[in-house]
Amino acid sequence: MHQFRRRTYESLREMAGDLLWPLRHRTQIRQAMRGGLVSPQFRERLMMVVTAVNECRYCAYYHARESERVGLPKSEIRALLAGDLVNAPEEELPALLYAQGFAERNGRFDPTAHHSLQTTYGPTRAATIETVLHLIRTGNLLGNTTDWLIFKLSLGHWGGA
């Protein structure tokens, strides 16, 4: 049987913490999704960058469609899902690179990069960006953990390696 390689939750406690997080941060989530500090296009770019690192097939499918709906060109969507930021707007590049690092470090914020994000975007907008990153990481890990369970139950036939 092949080995499952995508990032999943390491414990039920970690998963429970992420599932409870939105209940404690409703105001920040509302601001991130509708507050205007992060445009729908910018939000989708952030989500696609994290999804590219975590390789969640469900999130990739959904956010590719959502990105198209908010006006991102298909060429940029393909590039983002491949981890390529070449088509990204210059103003968003620091946040997108931060998002990649966040995902590569499994959701841990680098203090130096965090400070740089706040300097570049201001504390309120930086916090909104981090809220988006937390949400998509949770979605990615839930999708991948679901696939891991399918993979295990099917003895490696389904769920993707």
N, C-alpha and C. Protein backbone atom coordinates (compact mmCIF):
# COMPACT_ATOMS: atom_id res chain seq x y z
N MET A 1 0.85 -1.18 0.00
CA MET A 1 0.00 0.00 0.00
C MET A 1 0.89 1.25 0.00
N HIS A 2 0.49 2.23 -0.78
CA HIS A 2 1.21 3.50 -0.83
C HIS A 2 1.05 4.25 0.48
N GLN A 3 1.91 5.22 0.68
CA GLN A 3 1.83 6.06 1.88
C GLN A 3 1.06 7.33 1.55
N PHE A 4 0.24 7.79 2.48
CA PHE A 4 -0.51 9.04 2.32
C PHE A 4 0.44 10.18 2.64
N ARG A 5 0.62 11.13 1.70
CA ARG A 5 1.68 12.14 1.85
C ARG A 5 1.19 13.54 2.20
N ARG A 6 -0.09 13.79 2.04
CA ARG A 6 -0.56 15.16 2.28
C ARG A 6 -0.69 15.44 3.78
N ARG A 7 -0.58 16.71 4.13
CA ARG A 7 -0.66 17.12 5.53
C ARG A 7 -2.08 16.91 6.06
N THR A 8 -2.17 16.32 7.24
CA THR A 8 -3.45 16.09 7.90
C THR A 8 -3.34 16.57 9.35
N TYR A 9 -4.45 16.52 10.05
CA TYR A 9 -4.40 16.80 11.49
C TYR A 9 -3.62 15.69 12.18
N GLU A 10 -2.80 16.08 13.14
CA GLU A 10 -1.98 15.11 13.86
C GLU A 10 -2.70 14.53 15.06
N SER A 11 -3.77 15.22 15.51
CA SER A 11 -4.51 14.73 16.67
C SER A 11 -5.94 15.27 16.63
N LEU A 12 -6.82 14.60 17.35
CA LEU A 12 -8.19 15.09 17.47
C LEU A 12 -8.21 16.42 18.22
N ARG A 13 -7.30 16.60 19.13
CA ARG A 13 -7.22 17.86 19.88
C ARG A 13 -6.91 19.03 18.95
N GLU A 14 -5.96 18.83 18.03
CA GLU A 14 -5.62 19.87 17.07
C GLU A 14 -6.83 20.18 16.18
N MET A 15 -7.52 19.14 15.73
CA MET A 15 -8.70 19.33 14.89
C MET A 15 -9.80 20.07 15.66
N ALA A 16 -10.03 19.67 16.90
CA ALA A 16 -11.06 20.31 17.71
C ALA A 16 -10.74 21.79 17.91
N GLY A 17 -9.49 22.10 18.15
CA GLY A 17 -9.09 23.50 18.31
C GLY A 17 -9.40 24.32 17.07
N ASP A 18 -9.11 23.76 15.90
CA ASP A 18 -9.40 24.47 14.66
C ASP A 18 -10.89 24.57 14.39
N LEU A 19 -11.65 23.56 14.80
CA LEU A 19 -13.10 23.60 14.59
C LEU A 19 -13.77 24.61 15.53
N LEU A 20 -13.19 24.81 16.71
CA LEU A 20 -13.74 25.77 17.66
C LEU A 20 -13.28 27.20 17.38
N TRP A 21 -12.17 27.35 16.69
CA TRP A 21 -11.60 28.67 16.41
C TRP A 21 -12.61 29.63 15.79
N PRO A 22 -13.37 29.24 14.79
CA PRO A 22 -14.34 30.18 14.19
C PRO A 22 -15.39 30.69 15.18
N LEU A 23 -15.75 29.88 16.15
CA LEU A 23 -16.74 30.32 17.13
C LEU A 23 -16.20 31.46 17.99
N ARG A 24 -14.91 31.44 18.25
CA ARG A 24 -14.28 32.47 19.08
C ARG A 24 -13.85 33.69 18.27
N HIS A 25 -13.88 33.58 16.96
CA HIS A 25 -13.36 34.66 16.10
C HIS A 25 -14.36 35.08 15.03
N ARG A 26 -15.63 35.06 15.37
CA ARG A 26 -16.68 35.40 14.39
C ARG A 26 -16.51 36.80 13.82
N THR A 27 -16.17 37.76 14.66
CA THR A 27 -16.02 39.14 14.19
C THR A 27 -14.89 39.26 13.18
N GLN A 28 -13.75 38.64 13.47
CA GLN A 28 -12.63 38.68 12.54
C GLN A 28 -12.97 37.98 11.22
N ILE A 29 -13.70 36.89 11.30
CA ILE A 29 -14.09 36.16 10.08
C ILE A 29 -15.03 37.01 9.24
N ARG A 30 -15.99 37.62 9.88
CA ARG A 30 -16.92 38.50 9.16
C ARG A 30 -16.16 39.62 8.46
N GLN A 31 -15.20 40.21 9.16
CA GLN A 31 -14.40 41.28 8.57
C GLN A 31 -13.55 40.76 7.40
N ALA A 32 -13.00 39.58 7.55
CA ALA A 32 -12.17 39.01 6.48
C ALA A 32 -12.99 38.69 5.24
N MET A 33 -14.22 38.27 5.44
CA MET A 33 -15.04 37.84 4.31
C MET A 33 -15.84 38.98 3.69
N ARG A 34 -16.15 40.01 4.48
CA ARG A 34 -17.00 41.08 3.95
C ARG A 34 -16.55 42.49 4.30
N GLY A 35 -15.44 42.62 5.00
CA GLY A 35 -15.05 43.92 5.54
C GLY A 35 -14.38 44.88 4.58
N GLY A 36 -13.95 44.41 3.43
CA GLY A 36 -13.33 45.30 2.46
C GLY A 36 -11.83 45.52 2.64
N LEU A 37 -11.24 44.99 3.71
CA LEU A 37 -9.80 45.15 3.89
C LEU A 37 -9.02 44.25 2.93
N VAL A 38 -9.64 43.17 2.54
CA VAL A 38 -9.04 42.22 1.59
C VAL A 38 -10.09 41.99 0.51
N SER A 39 -9.76 42.33 -0.72
CA SER A 39 -10.72 42.15 -1.82
C SER A 39 -11.00 40.67 -2.04
N PRO A 40 -12.12 40.34 -2.66
CA PRO A 40 -12.41 38.93 -2.97
C PRO A 40 -11.29 38.28 -3.80
N GLN A 41 -10.70 39.03 -4.71
CA GLN A 41 -9.62 38.49 -5.54
C GLN A 41 -8.38 38.19 -4.69
N PHE A 42 -8.03 39.13 -3.82
CA PHE A 42 -6.88 38.95 -2.93
C PHE A 42 -7.13 37.77 -2.00
N ARG A 43 -8.33 37.68 -1.44
CA ARG A 43 -8.68 36.58 -0.54
C ARG A 43 -8.53 35.24 -1.26
N GLU A 44 -9.01 35.16 -2.49
CA GLU A 44 -8.89 33.90 -3.24
C GLU A 44 -7.44 33.57 -3.55
N ARG A 45 -6.64 34.57 -3.86
CA ARG A 45 -5.21 34.31 -4.10
C ARG A 45 -4.56 33.74 -2.84
N LEU A 46 -4.87 34.32 -1.69
CA LEU A 46 -4.33 33.81 -0.43
C LEU A 46 -4.74 32.36 -0.22
N MET A 47 -6.01 32.08 -0.48
CA MET A 47 -6.52 30.72 -0.26
C MET A 47 -5.89 29.72 -1.23
N MET A 48 -5.69 30.16 -2.47
CA MET A 48 -5.09 29.26 -3.46
C MET A 48 -3.62 28.98 -3.14
N VAL A 49 -2.90 29.97 -2.63
CA VAL A 49 -1.49 29.78 -2.29
C VAL A 49 -1.34 28.75 -1.17
N VAL A 50 -2.15 28.87 -0.13
CA VAL A 50 -2.09 27.91 0.98
C VAL A 50 -2.53 26.53 0.50
N THR A 51 -3.57 26.49 -0.31
CA THR A 51 -4.06 25.21 -0.85
C THR A 51 -3.01 24.54 -1.72
N ALA A 52 -2.25 25.31 -2.48
CA ALA A 52 -1.19 24.73 -3.32
C ALA A 52 -0.16 24.00 -2.46
N VAL A 53 0.17 24.56 -1.31
CA VAL A 53 1.15 23.92 -0.42
C VAL A 53 0.55 22.68 0.24
N ASN A 54 -0.68 22.79 0.73
CA ASN A 54 -1.30 21.68 1.47
C ASN A 54 -1.94 20.62 0.58
N GLU A 55 -2.13 20.94 -0.70
CA GLU A 55 -2.62 19.99 -1.69
C GLU A 55 -3.99 19.39 -1.37
N CYS A 56 -4.91 20.19 -0.87
CA CYS A 56 -6.27 19.70 -0.64
C CYS A 56 -7.04 19.75 -1.96
N ARG A 57 -7.45 18.60 -2.44
CA ARG A 57 -8.14 18.56 -3.74
C ARG A 57 -9.51 19.22 -3.69
N TYR A 58 -10.19 19.13 -2.55
CA TYR A 58 -11.52 19.73 -2.42
C TYR A 58 -11.41 21.26 -2.46
N CYS A 59 -10.46 21.79 -1.70
CA CYS A 59 -10.26 23.24 -1.66
C CYS A 59 -9.75 23.76 -2.99
N ALA A 60 -8.88 23.01 -3.65
CA ALA A 60 -8.38 23.42 -4.96
C ALA A 60 -9.54 23.54 -5.95
N TYR A 61 -10.41 22.56 -5.95
CA TYR A 61 -11.56 22.58 -6.86
C TYR A 61 -12.47 23.77 -6.55
N TYR A 62 -12.85 23.90 -5.27
CA TYR A 62 -13.78 24.96 -4.88
C TYR A 62 -13.18 26.35 -5.15
N HIS A 63 -11.95 26.56 -4.72
CA HIS A 63 -11.37 27.90 -4.84
C HIS A 63 -10.95 28.24 -6.26
N ALA A 64 -10.70 27.25 -7.10
CA ALA A 64 -10.48 27.54 -8.52
C ALA A 64 -11.77 28.11 -9.12
N ARG A 65 -12.90 27.50 -8.78
CA ARG A 65 -14.20 27.99 -9.28
C ARG A 65 -14.53 29.37 -8.69
N GLU A 66 -14.28 29.53 -7.40
CA GLU A 66 -14.56 30.80 -6.74
C GLU A 66 -13.65 31.90 -7.29
N SER A 67 -12.40 31.57 -7.54
CA SER A 67 -11.45 32.54 -8.11
C SER A 67 -11.91 33.00 -9.48
N GLU A 68 -12.40 32.06 -10.26
CA GLU A 68 -12.92 32.40 -11.59
C GLU A 68 -14.15 33.30 -11.45
N ARG A 69 -15.00 32.98 -10.47
CA ARG A 69 -16.22 33.76 -10.25
C ARG A 69 -15.91 35.22 -9.89
N VAL A 70 -14.82 35.44 -9.13
CA VAL A 70 -14.48 36.81 -8.73
C VAL A 70 -13.57 37.51 -9.74
N GLY A 71 -13.30 36.84 -10.86
CA GLY A 71 -12.62 37.52 -11.96
C GLY A 71 -11.15 37.21 -12.19
N LEU A 72 -10.60 36.22 -11.51
CA LEU A 72 -9.20 35.88 -11.78
C LEU A 72 -9.11 35.11 -13.09
N PRO A 73 -8.13 35.42 -13.92
CA PRO A 73 -7.96 34.68 -15.17
C PRO A 73 -7.53 33.23 -14.91
N LYS A 74 -7.95 32.34 -15.79
CA LYS A 74 -7.63 30.92 -15.64
C LYS A 74 -6.12 30.68 -15.58
N SER A 75 -5.37 31.45 -16.34
CA SER A 75 -3.91 31.27 -16.33
C SER A 75 -3.33 31.57 -14.95
N GLU A 76 -3.87 32.59 -14.28
CA GLU A 76 -3.39 32.91 -12.93
C GLU A 76 -3.82 31.83 -11.94
N ILE A 77 -5.03 31.33 -12.09
CA ILE A 77 -5.52 30.27 -11.20
C ILE A 77 -4.62 29.04 -11.31
N ARG A 78 -4.31 28.64 -12.54
CA ARG A 78 -3.43 27.48 -12.75
C ARG A 78 -2.05 27.74 -12.12
N ALA A 79 -1.53 28.94 -12.32
CA ALA A 79 -0.22 29.27 -11.76
C ALA A 79 -0.25 29.22 -10.23
N LEU A 80 -1.28 29.79 -9.62
CA LEU A 80 -1.38 29.80 -8.16
C LEU A 80 -1.44 28.38 -7.61
N LEU A 81 -2.23 27.52 -8.26
CA LEU A 81 -2.34 26.14 -7.79
C LEU A 81 -1.04 25.36 -7.98
N ALA A 82 -0.19 25.86 -8.86
CA ALA A 82 1.14 25.25 -9.06
C ALA A 82 2.18 25.88 -8.13
N GLY A 83 1.75 26.85 -7.32
CA GLY A 83 2.68 27.52 -6.41
C GLY A 83 3.48 28.63 -7.05
N ASP A 84 3.04 29.08 -8.21
CA ASP A 84 3.75 30.11 -8.97
C ASP A 84 3.05 31.46 -8.79
N LEU A 85 3.78 32.44 -8.30
CA LEU A 85 3.20 33.76 -8.02
C LEU A 85 3.53 34.78 -9.11
N VAL A 86 3.98 34.33 -10.25
CA VAL A 86 4.44 35.24 -11.31
C VAL A 86 3.36 36.21 -11.78
N ASN A 87 2.09 35.82 -11.75
CA ASN A 87 1.00 36.68 -12.23
C ASN A 87 0.36 37.51 -11.11
N ALA A 88 0.84 37.36 -9.90
CA ALA A 88 0.22 38.04 -8.76
C ALA A 88 0.51 39.53 -8.80
N PRO A 89 -0.46 40.34 -8.36
CA PRO A 89 -0.23 41.79 -8.28
C PRO A 89 0.92 42.09 -7.31
N GLU A 90 1.74 43.04 -7.68
CA GLU A 90 2.92 43.41 -6.88
C GLU A 90 2.54 43.77 -5.44
N GLU A 91 1.44 44.47 -5.26
CA GLU A 91 1.01 44.92 -3.93
C GLU A 91 0.65 43.73 -3.02
N GLU A 92 0.23 42.62 -3.61
CA GLU A 92 -0.18 41.46 -2.82
C GLU A 92 0.96 40.47 -2.59
N LEU A 93 2.05 40.64 -3.30
CA LEU A 93 3.15 39.67 -3.25
C LEU A 93 3.69 39.41 -1.84
N PRO A 94 3.91 40.43 -1.00
CA PRO A 94 4.40 40.14 0.35
C PRO A 94 3.45 39.23 1.14
N ALA A 95 2.16 39.45 1.02
CA ALA A 95 1.19 38.62 1.75
C ALA A 95 1.14 37.21 1.17
N LEU A 96 1.25 37.09 -0.14
CA LEU A 96 1.21 35.77 -0.76
C LEU A 96 2.45 34.95 -0.40
N LEU A 97 3.60 35.59 -0.34
CA LEU A 97 4.81 34.90 0.10
C LEU A 97 4.70 34.51 1.58
N TYR A 98 4.11 35.39 2.36
CA TYR A 98 3.86 35.10 3.78
C TYR A 98 2.94 33.88 3.90
N ALA A 99 1.91 33.84 3.05
CA ALA A 99 0.95 32.73 3.06
C ALA A 99 1.65 31.41 2.72
N GLN A 100 2.54 31.44 1.74
CA GLN A 100 3.29 30.22 1.40
C GLN A 100 4.11 29.73 2.59
N GLY A 101 4.81 30.64 3.23
CA GLY A 101 5.62 30.28 4.38
C GLY A 101 4.77 29.76 5.53
N PHE A 102 3.63 30.39 5.75
CA PHE A 102 2.69 29.96 6.78
C PHE A 102 2.27 28.52 6.53
N ALA A 103 1.91 28.21 5.30
CA ALA A 103 1.47 26.86 4.96
C ALA A 103 2.63 25.86 5.07
N GLU A 104 3.79 26.25 4.60
CA GLU A 104 4.96 25.37 4.67
C GLU A 104 5.35 25.06 6.11
N ARG A 105 5.09 26.00 7.03
CA ARG A 105 5.39 25.80 8.46
C ARG A 105 4.19 25.23 9.20
N ASN A 106 3.23 24.68 8.47
CA ASN A 106 2.05 24.03 9.06
C ASN A 106 1.27 24.96 9.97
N GLY A 107 1.05 26.18 9.50
CA GLY A 107 0.19 27.10 10.22
C GLY A 107 0.86 27.90 11.31
N ARG A 108 2.15 27.83 11.38
CA ARG A 108 2.86 28.63 12.40
C ARG A 108 3.37 29.91 11.75
N PHE A 109 3.12 31.00 12.44
CA PHE A 109 3.56 32.30 11.94
C PHE A 109 5.01 32.54 12.36
N ASP A 110 5.82 32.96 11.42
CA ASP A 110 7.20 33.34 11.70
C ASP A 110 7.18 34.76 12.27
N PRO A 111 7.74 34.99 13.47
CA PRO A 111 7.67 36.32 14.09
C PRO A 111 8.24 37.44 13.22
N THR A 112 9.35 37.20 12.55
CA THR A 112 9.95 38.23 11.69
C THR A 112 9.04 38.53 10.51
N ALA A 113 8.53 37.48 9.88
CA ALA A 113 7.63 37.66 8.74
C ALA A 113 6.32 38.32 9.18
N HIS A 114 5.86 37.96 10.38
CA HIS A 114 4.63 38.56 10.93
C HIS A 114 4.82 40.07 11.10
N HIS A 115 5.96 40.46 11.65
CA HIS A 115 6.26 41.88 11.83
C HIS A 115 6.31 42.59 10.48
N SER A 116 6.93 41.96 9.51
CA SER A 116 7.02 42.54 8.16
C SER A 116 5.63 42.69 7.54
N LEU A 117 4.77 41.69 7.74
CA LEU A 117 3.39 41.76 7.22
C LEU A 117 2.66 42.95 7.84
N GLN A 118 2.80 43.14 9.15
CA GLN A 118 2.15 44.26 9.82
C GLN A 118 2.71 45.60 9.35
N THR A 119 3.99 45.66 9.12
CA THR A 119 4.61 46.89 8.62
C THR A 119 4.11 47.21 7.22
N THR A 120 3.99 46.19 6.39
CA THR A 120 3.57 46.39 5.00
C THR A 120 2.09 46.75 4.88
N TYR A 121 1.23 46.06 5.62
CA TYR A 121 -0.22 46.22 5.44
C TYR A 121 -0.93 46.92 6.60
N GLY A 122 -0.22 47.15 7.69
CA GLY A 122 -0.86 47.70 8.88
C GLY A 122 -1.44 46.57 9.72
N PRO A 123 -1.57 46.79 11.03
CA PRO A 123 -1.98 45.72 11.93
C PRO A 123 -3.37 45.14 11.63
N THR A 124 -4.32 46.00 11.28
CA THR A 124 -5.69 45.52 11.05
C THR A 124 -5.78 44.67 9.79
N ARG A 125 -5.19 45.15 8.71
CA ARG A 125 -5.23 44.39 7.46
C ARG A 125 -4.40 43.10 7.58
N ALA A 126 -3.27 43.17 8.28
CA ALA A 126 -2.45 41.97 8.51
C ALA A 126 -3.23 40.92 9.29
N ALA A 127 -3.97 41.36 10.31
CA ALA A 127 -4.79 40.42 11.09
C ALA A 127 -5.87 39.79 10.22
N THR A 128 -6.44 40.57 9.30
CA THR A 128 -7.45 40.05 8.39
C THR A 128 -6.83 39.00 7.46
N ILE A 129 -5.65 39.27 6.96
CA ILE A 129 -4.93 38.30 6.11
C ILE A 129 -4.69 37.01 6.89
N GLU A 130 -4.25 37.13 8.13
CA GLU A 130 -3.99 35.94 8.94
C GLU A 130 -5.27 35.16 9.25
N THR A 131 -6.39 35.85 9.37
CA THR A 131 -7.67 35.17 9.55
C THR A 131 -7.99 34.32 8.33
N VAL A 132 -7.81 34.89 7.14
CA VAL A 132 -8.04 34.14 5.89
C VAL A 132 -7.13 32.91 5.86
N LEU A 133 -5.88 33.07 6.23
CA LEU A 133 -4.93 31.96 6.21
C LEU A 133 -5.34 30.86 7.18
N HIS A 134 -5.80 31.26 8.36
CA HIS A 134 -6.24 30.27 9.34
C HIS A 134 -7.44 29.49 8.81
N LEU A 135 -8.39 30.19 8.20
CA LEU A 135 -9.59 29.53 7.67
C LEU A 135 -9.24 28.51 6.59
N ILE A 136 -8.40 28.90 5.64
CA ILE A 136 -8.10 27.99 4.54
C ILE A 136 -7.25 26.82 5.02
N ARG A 137 -6.36 27.05 5.96
CA ARG A 137 -5.58 25.93 6.49
C ARG A 137 -6.50 24.91 7.14
N THR A 138 -7.48 25.39 7.90
CA THR A 138 -8.45 24.49 8.52
C THR A 138 -9.19 23.69 7.46
N GLY A 139 -9.67 24.37 6.42
CA GLY A 139 -10.36 23.67 5.34
C GLY A 139 -9.46 22.65 4.66
N ASN A 140 -8.22 23.03 4.39
CA ASN A 140 -7.26 22.11 3.75
C ASN A 140 -7.04 20.86 4.59
N LEU A 141 -6.79 21.06 5.88
CA LEU A 141 -6.52 19.91 6.74
C LEU A 141 -7.75 19.04 6.95
N LEU A 142 -8.93 19.65 7.01
CA LEU A 142 -10.15 18.84 7.10
C LEU A 142 -10.33 17.99 5.85
N GLY A 143 -10.13 18.60 4.68
CA GLY A 143 -10.24 17.85 3.43
C GLY A 143 -9.21 16.74 3.34
N ASN A 144 -7.97 17.05 3.67
CA ASN A 144 -6.92 16.03 3.61
C ASN A 144 -7.12 14.93 4.64
N THR A 145 -7.60 15.29 5.83
CA THR A 145 -7.85 14.28 6.85
C THR A 145 -9.00 13.37 6.43
N THR A 146 -10.00 13.93 5.77
CA THR A 146 -11.09 13.12 5.22
C THR A 146 -10.52 12.14 4.19
N ASP A 147 -9.67 12.64 3.30
CA ASP A 147 -9.04 11.76 2.31
C ASP A 147 -8.17 10.69 2.97
N TRP A 148 -7.46 11.06 4.02
CA TRP A 148 -6.63 10.08 4.75
C TRP A 148 -7.50 8.96 5.29
N LEU A 149 -8.67 9.32 5.87
CA LEU A 149 -9.58 8.32 6.41
C LEU A 149 -10.10 7.40 5.29
N ILE A 150 -10.50 8.00 4.17
CA ILE A 150 -10.95 7.21 3.01
C ILE A 150 -9.82 6.30 2.54
N PHE A 151 -8.62 6.83 2.49
CA PHE A 151 -7.44 6.08 2.07
C PHE A 151 -7.23 4.86 2.97
N LYS A 152 -7.30 5.07 4.28
CA LYS A 152 -7.09 3.97 5.23
C LYS A 152 -8.21 2.93 5.14
N LEU A 153 -9.46 3.40 5.09
CA LEU A 153 -10.59 2.47 5.04
C LEU A 153 -10.62 1.65 3.75
N SER A 154 -10.12 2.22 2.67
CA SER A 154 -10.12 1.52 1.38
C SER A 154 -8.81 0.76 1.14
N LEU A 155 -7.98 0.68 2.16
CA LEU A 155 -6.67 0.02 2.05
C LEU A 155 -5.81 0.62 0.95
N GLY A 156 -5.92 1.95 0.81
CA GLY A 156 -5.07 2.67 -0.12
C GLY A 156 -5.60 2.79 -1.54
N HIS A 157 -6.83 2.33 -1.78
CA HIS A 157 -7.38 2.39 -3.13
C HIS A 157 -8.01 3.74 -3.46
N TRP A 158 -8.58 4.42 -2.46
CA TRP A 158 -9.27 5.69 -2.69
C TRP A 158 -8.69 6.75 -1.76
N GLY A 159 -9.02 7.99 -2.05
CA GLY A 159 -8.60 9.08 -1.18
C GLY A 159 -7.33 9.77 -1.63
N GLY A 160 -6.63 9.17 -2.54
CA GLY A 160 -5.43 9.81 -3.07
C GLY A 160 -4.24 9.68 -2.16
N ALA A 161 -3.10 9.49 -2.74
CA ALA A 161 -1.86 9.38 -1.96
C ALA A 161 -1.22 10.72 -1.97
